[in-house]
N, C-alpha and C. Protein backbone atom coordinates (compact mmCIF):
# COMPACT_ATOMS: atom_id res chain seq x y z
N MET A 1 -11.21 -10.60 15.86
CA MET A 1 -10.60 -11.66 16.54
C MET A 1 -9.10 -12.07 16.08
N SER A 2 -8.22 -11.87 17.21
CA SER A 2 -6.88 -11.76 16.76
C SER A 2 -6.35 -13.13 16.50
N ALA A 3 -5.28 -13.08 15.82
CA ALA A 3 -4.63 -14.27 15.33
C ALA A 3 -3.71 -14.92 16.49
N LYS A 4 -3.47 -16.28 16.76
CA LYS A 4 -2.95 -16.87 17.66
C LYS A 4 -1.50 -16.92 17.13
N PRO A 5 -0.50 -16.46 17.89
CA PRO A 5 0.92 -16.48 17.44
C PRO A 5 1.41 -18.21 17.19
N LEU A 6 1.91 -18.46 16.01
CA LEU A 6 2.38 -19.70 15.76
C LEU A 6 3.54 -20.02 16.48
N GLN A 7 3.59 -21.19 17.26
CA GLN A 7 4.75 -21.71 18.17
C GLN A 7 5.84 -22.27 17.21
N ARG A 8 7.26 -21.65 17.53
CA ARG A 8 8.05 -22.50 16.91
C ARG A 8 8.28 -23.96 16.98
N LEU A 9 8.75 -24.51 16.13
CA LEU A 9 8.75 -26.15 16.18
C LEU A 9 10.06 -26.17 16.40
N LEU A 10 11.17 -25.92 15.98
CA LEU A 10 12.63 -26.10 16.17
C LEU A 10 13.29 -24.47 16.38
N TYR A 11 14.54 -24.77 17.40
CA TYR A 11 15.08 -23.60 17.72
C TYR A 11 16.56 -23.87 17.29
N SER A 12 17.30 -22.86 17.14
CA SER A 12 18.48 -22.87 16.84
C SER A 12 19.18 -23.13 18.24
N LYS A 13 20.43 -23.56 18.38
CA LYS A 13 21.17 -23.77 19.50
C LYS A 13 21.21 -22.61 20.42
N ARG A 14 21.59 -21.61 19.75
CA ARG A 14 21.59 -20.17 20.58
C ARG A 14 20.32 -19.72 21.20
N ASP A 15 19.23 -20.02 20.32
CA ASP A 15 17.68 -19.66 20.53
C ASP A 15 17.29 -20.76 21.74
N ALA A 16 17.64 -22.01 21.53
CA ALA A 16 17.42 -23.18 22.68
C ALA A 16 17.84 -22.61 24.06
N ALA A 17 19.32 -22.43 23.92
CA ALA A 17 19.99 -22.01 25.10
C ALA A 17 19.25 -20.73 26.00
N GLU A 18 18.77 -19.97 25.20
CA GLU A 18 17.90 -18.62 25.77
C GLU A 18 16.88 -19.31 26.34
N GLN A 19 16.10 -19.95 25.51
CA GLN A 19 14.76 -20.57 26.11
C GLN A 19 15.05 -21.39 27.47
N LEU A 20 15.76 -21.92 27.60
CA LEU A 20 16.23 -22.62 28.81
C LEU A 20 17.31 -22.04 29.99
N SER A 21 17.39 -20.71 29.64
CA SER A 21 18.28 -19.87 30.49
C SER A 21 19.60 -20.46 31.14
N ILE A 22 20.04 -21.07 29.81
CA ILE A 22 21.54 -21.61 30.18
C ILE A 22 22.38 -21.01 29.06
N SER A 23 23.44 -21.24 29.46
CA SER A 23 24.93 -20.83 28.31
C SER A 23 24.70 -21.69 26.97
N LEU A 24 25.09 -21.50 26.02
CA LEU A 24 25.41 -22.12 24.85
C LEU A 24 26.27 -23.33 25.00
N ARG A 25 27.25 -23.19 25.83
CA ARG A 25 28.33 -24.22 26.27
C ARG A 25 27.45 -25.30 26.90
N SER A 26 26.57 -24.72 27.84
CA SER A 26 25.88 -25.93 28.65
C SER A 26 24.88 -26.72 27.94
N LEU A 27 24.18 -25.86 26.88
CA LEU A 27 23.44 -26.65 25.95
C LEU A 27 24.21 -27.86 24.86
N ASN A 28 25.42 -27.26 24.70
CA ASN A 28 26.22 -28.25 23.77
C ASN A 28 26.80 -29.27 24.71
N TYR A 29 26.72 -29.30 25.79
CA TYR A 29 27.22 -30.31 27.01
C TYR A 29 26.04 -31.30 27.03
N LEU A 30 24.57 -30.64 27.04
CA LEU A 30 23.66 -31.55 27.25
C LEU A 30 23.19 -32.26 26.15
N ILE A 31 23.72 -31.66 24.90
CA ILE A 31 23.55 -32.40 23.52
C ILE A 31 24.24 -33.46 23.38
N SER A 32 25.71 -33.37 23.93
CA SER A 32 26.81 -34.26 23.41
C SER A 32 26.75 -35.58 24.62
N ARG A 33 25.75 -35.19 25.65
CA ARG A 33 25.59 -36.36 26.59
C ARG A 33 24.36 -37.03 26.12
N GLY A 34 23.46 -36.48 25.14
CA GLY A 34 22.43 -37.03 25.06
C GLY A 34 21.24 -36.85 25.69
N GLU A 35 21.44 -35.84 26.43
CA GLU A 35 20.10 -35.42 27.50
C GLU A 35 19.10 -34.46 26.75
N LEU A 36 19.47 -33.94 25.67
CA LEU A 36 18.91 -33.11 24.78
C LEU A 36 18.93 -33.61 23.48
N ARG A 37 17.67 -34.09 22.76
CA ARG A 37 17.68 -34.42 21.48
C ARG A 37 17.88 -33.42 20.50
N PHE A 38 18.39 -33.57 19.14
CA PHE A 38 18.24 -32.47 18.46
C PHE A 38 17.96 -32.96 17.00
N ARG A 39 17.88 -32.10 16.02
CA ARG A 39 17.78 -32.59 14.54
C ARG A 39 18.81 -31.71 13.76
N ARG A 40 19.36 -32.65 12.80
CA ARG A 40 20.24 -31.71 12.04
C ARG A 40 19.58 -31.67 10.60
N ILE A 41 19.49 -30.41 10.05
CA ILE A 41 19.00 -30.19 8.87
C ILE A 41 20.05 -29.36 8.12
N GLY A 42 20.66 -30.18 7.18
CA GLY A 42 21.80 -29.65 6.44
C GLY A 42 23.13 -29.53 7.53
N SER A 43 23.60 -28.40 7.57
CA SER A 43 24.77 -28.07 8.65
C SER A 43 24.09 -27.50 10.09
N ARG A 44 22.72 -27.48 9.76
CA ARG A 44 22.30 -26.82 11.03
C ARG A 44 21.72 -27.72 12.01
N VAL A 45 22.10 -27.34 13.41
CA VAL A 45 21.48 -28.31 14.69
C VAL A 45 20.29 -27.54 15.02
N LEU A 46 19.24 -28.09 15.33
CA LEU A 46 17.95 -27.51 15.59
C LEU A 46 17.39 -28.38 16.86
N VAL A 47 16.85 -28.01 17.94
CA VAL A 47 16.41 -28.53 19.14
C VAL A 47 14.94 -28.08 18.93
N PRO A 48 14.07 -29.29 18.86
CA PRO A 48 12.56 -29.38 18.51
C PRO A 48 11.98 -28.78 20.20
N HIS A 49 10.91 -27.86 19.99
CA HIS A 49 10.38 -27.31 21.14
C HIS A 49 9.75 -28.39 22.10
N GLY A 50 9.27 -29.52 21.60
CA GLY A 50 9.13 -30.50 22.57
C GLY A 50 10.14 -30.94 23.51
N GLU A 51 11.23 -30.98 22.95
CA GLU A 51 12.44 -31.15 23.86
C GLU A 51 12.79 -30.44 24.99
N LEU A 52 12.61 -28.99 24.67
CA LEU A 52 12.84 -28.10 25.55
C LEU A 52 11.83 -27.98 26.61
N VAL A 53 10.65 -28.27 26.48
CA VAL A 53 9.47 -28.43 27.42
C VAL A 53 9.78 -29.49 28.37
N GLN A 54 10.25 -30.81 27.69
CA GLN A 54 10.32 -32.02 28.32
C GLN A 54 11.56 -31.70 29.23
N PHE A 55 12.64 -31.16 28.80
CA PHE A 55 13.88 -30.99 29.59
C PHE A 55 13.44 -30.11 30.75
N SER A 56 12.84 -29.14 30.70
CA SER A 56 12.54 -28.29 31.55
C SER A 56 11.80 -28.83 32.68
N ARG A 57 10.77 -29.60 32.39
CA ARG A 57 9.81 -30.26 33.19
C ARG A 57 10.68 -31.42 33.87
N ALA A 58 11.44 -32.01 33.37
CA ALA A 58 12.14 -33.40 33.95
C ALA A 58 13.09 -32.86 35.08
N HIS A 59 13.62 -31.62 34.65
CA HIS A 59 14.85 -31.14 35.92
C HIS A 59 14.05 -30.35 36.60
N HIS A 60 12.90 -29.78 36.70
CA HIS A 60 12.26 -29.02 37.69
C HIS A 60 11.01 -29.26 38.13
N PRO A 61 10.63 -30.50 38.56
CA PRO A 61 9.37 -31.23 38.79
C PRO A 61 8.58 -30.47 39.77
N GLU A 62 8.97 -29.33 40.47
CA GLU A 62 8.14 -28.87 41.42
C GLU A 62 7.54 -27.56 40.66
N PRO A 63 6.50 -27.29 41.23
CA PRO A 63 5.62 -26.09 40.63
C PRO A 63 6.58 -24.87 40.63
N ILE A 64 6.52 -24.26 39.69
CA ILE A 64 7.28 -22.73 39.68
C ILE A 64 6.32 -21.87 40.55
N LEU A 65 7.03 -21.05 41.29
CA LEU A 65 6.34 -20.29 42.17
C LEU A 65 6.70 -18.79 41.55
N PRO A 66 5.41 -17.78 41.96
CA PRO A 66 5.52 -16.73 41.28
C PRO A 66 6.72 -16.06 41.91
N ALA A 67 7.00 -14.96 41.14
CA ALA A 67 8.29 -13.96 41.41
C ALA A 67 8.38 -13.65 42.81
N MET A 68 7.24 -13.21 43.15
CA MET A 68 7.10 -12.44 44.41
C MET A 68 7.49 -13.51 45.52
N GLN A 69 6.96 -14.80 45.51
CA GLN A 69 7.20 -15.68 46.53
C GLN A 69 8.62 -16.23 46.65
N GLN A 70 9.40 -16.34 45.16
CA GLN A 70 10.78 -16.57 45.18
C GLN A 70 11.49 -15.76 45.69
N GLU A 71 11.43 -14.49 45.43
CA GLU A 71 12.36 -13.38 46.03
C GLU A 71 12.21 -13.27 47.42
N GLY A 72 11.09 -13.46 47.91
CA GLY A 72 11.06 -13.03 49.23
C GLY A 72 11.27 -14.39 50.36
N GLY A 73 11.48 -15.64 49.71
CA GLY A 73 11.90 -16.98 50.34
C GLY A 73 10.62 -17.31 51.00
N HIS A 74 9.27 -16.97 50.83
CA HIS A 74 8.12 -17.65 51.30
C HIS A 74 7.43 -18.43 50.41
N HIS A 75 7.14 -19.60 50.91
CA HIS A 75 6.57 -20.53 50.13
C HIS A 75 5.03 -20.66 50.44
N ALA A 76 4.00 -20.86 49.54
CA ALA A 76 2.77 -20.99 50.00
C ALA A 76 2.46 -22.35 50.29
N ARG A 77 1.63 -22.54 51.32
CA ARG A 77 1.44 -23.85 51.93
C ARG A 77 0.05 -24.03 52.28
């Protein structure tokens, strides 16, 4: 029986930006506008996993297409 990998609960700003495929500057902008909530622990700014999921779903409500369909420009109907 294989062990299920643990899901990270909090991400550094750099890791959060990487997870969203955006620049660190863009992430800082989202945080400053209140579009992405964060936690401060000591001097560290951390973004909860749930915030990343919620943000990505809110800004991309359409279903994600497989890479082959995206590259070819064909949409399944």
